[in-house]
Amino acid sequence: MTERINEPITTLVTFTEKGIKPLAFRWGKNKYQIKKVTLAHTERKGNGLVYYFSVCDDVNYFKLAFDTRNFSWRLLELSS
């Protein structure tokens, strides 16, 4: 079942020559270690880009978004 969340999160990332890779994030009091990025794509929004990542830990799948206009991360969806 997929649940729409759309809440801000704090995200640990690495920047490489290939782009941005999320490693872990904190949502509320919970911390999630990302085991795999399954899909990544971008979308132009005004004068910025939004990077979308489908990621998973050992149990759940998440959809994350990074908005370059304000450098904010959001948890968009959770599937368990």
Protein backbone atom coordinates (compact mmCIF):
# COMPACT_ATOMS: atom_id res chain seq x y z
CA MET A 1 0.00 0.00 0.00
CA THR A 2 1.34 3.45 -0.95
CA GLU A 3 0.79 6.35 1.42
CA ARG A 4 1.25 9.99 0.34
CA ILE A 5 3.33 11.80 2.96
CA ASN A 6 4.72 15.09 1.52
CA GLU A 7 6.64 16.13 4.66
CA PRO A 8 10.06 17.72 5.09
CA ILE A 9 12.98 15.45 5.96
CA THR A 10 16.66 15.81 6.80
CA THR A 11 18.79 13.87 4.33
CA LEU A 12 22.40 12.69 4.29
CA VAL A 13 23.73 12.67 0.71
CA THR A 14 26.89 12.31 -1.29
CA PHE A 15 27.71 14.38 -4.36
CA THR A 16 29.70 12.70 -7.12
CA GLU A 17 30.50 13.41 -10.75
CA LYS A 18 27.40 11.34 -11.58
CA GLY A 19 25.11 13.45 -9.38
CA ILE A 20 23.41 13.30 -6.00
CA LYS A 21 22.99 10.04 -4.08
CA PRO A 22 20.89 9.96 -0.89
CA LEU A 23 22.38 7.72 1.82
CA ALA A 24 20.01 8.12 4.78
CA PHE A 25 17.23 10.38 6.00
CA ARG A 26 15.44 11.35 9.17
CA TRP A 27 11.64 11.62 9.22
CA GLY A 28 10.30 12.72 12.58
CA LYS A 29 12.14 10.72 15.22
CA ASN A 30 12.99 7.84 12.87
CA LYS A 31 16.18 7.42 10.85
CA TYR A 32 16.19 5.34 7.66
CA GLN A 33 19.33 3.92 6.07
CA ILE A 34 18.95 3.79 2.28
CA LYS A 35 20.08 0.44 0.90
CA LYS A 36 19.36 1.09 -2.79
CA VAL A 37 18.34 3.88 -5.16
CA THR A 38 15.97 2.18 -7.60
CA LEU A 39 15.10 5.16 -9.81
CA ALA A 40 16.18 8.80 -10.17
CA HIS A 41 14.97 11.57 -12.47
CA THR A 42 14.66 15.35 -12.60
CA GLU A 43 11.91 17.82 -13.42
CA ARG A 44 12.29 21.51 -14.22
CA LYS A 45 10.27 23.74 -11.85
CA GLY A 46 10.50 27.44 -12.68
CA ASN A 47 14.18 28.37 -12.62
CA GLY A 48 15.21 25.29 -10.62
CA LEU A 49 15.25 21.51 -10.77
CA VAL A 50 13.58 18.94 -8.58
CA TYR A 51 15.43 15.64 -8.24
CA TYR A 52 13.21 12.64 -7.51
CA PHE A 53 14.56 9.43 -5.99
CA SER A 54 12.84 6.10 -5.44
CA VAL A 55 14.78 4.38 -2.66
CA CYS A 56 14.41 1.44 -0.31
CA ASP A 57 15.66 0.22 3.01
CA ASP A 58 15.27 -3.41 4.13
CA VAL A 59 11.48 -3.09 4.55
CA ASN A 60 10.02 0.00 2.86
CA TYR A 61 10.10 1.90 -0.42
CA PHE A 62 10.18 5.70 -0.38
CA LYS A 63 9.90 8.51 -2.90
CA LEU A 64 12.11 11.48 -2.01
CA ALA A 65 12.42 14.90 -3.66
CA PHE A 66 15.23 17.46 -3.55
CA ASP A 67 14.28 20.98 -4.70
CA THR A 68 17.24 23.07 -5.89
CA ARG A 69 15.29 26.32 -5.54
CA ASN A 70 15.37 26.17 -1.74
CA PHE A 71 17.66 23.17 -1.12
CA SER A 72 14.92 21.29 0.70
CA TRP A 73 14.19 17.58 0.90
CA ARG A 74 10.72 16.03 1.20
CA LEU A 75 9.41 12.52 1.75
CA LEU A 76 6.65 12.28 -0.85
CA GLU A 77 5.49 8.66 -0.55
CA LEU A 78 5.96 5.55 1.58
CA SER A 79 5.19 2.01 0.44
CA SER A 80 5.45 -0.88 2.88
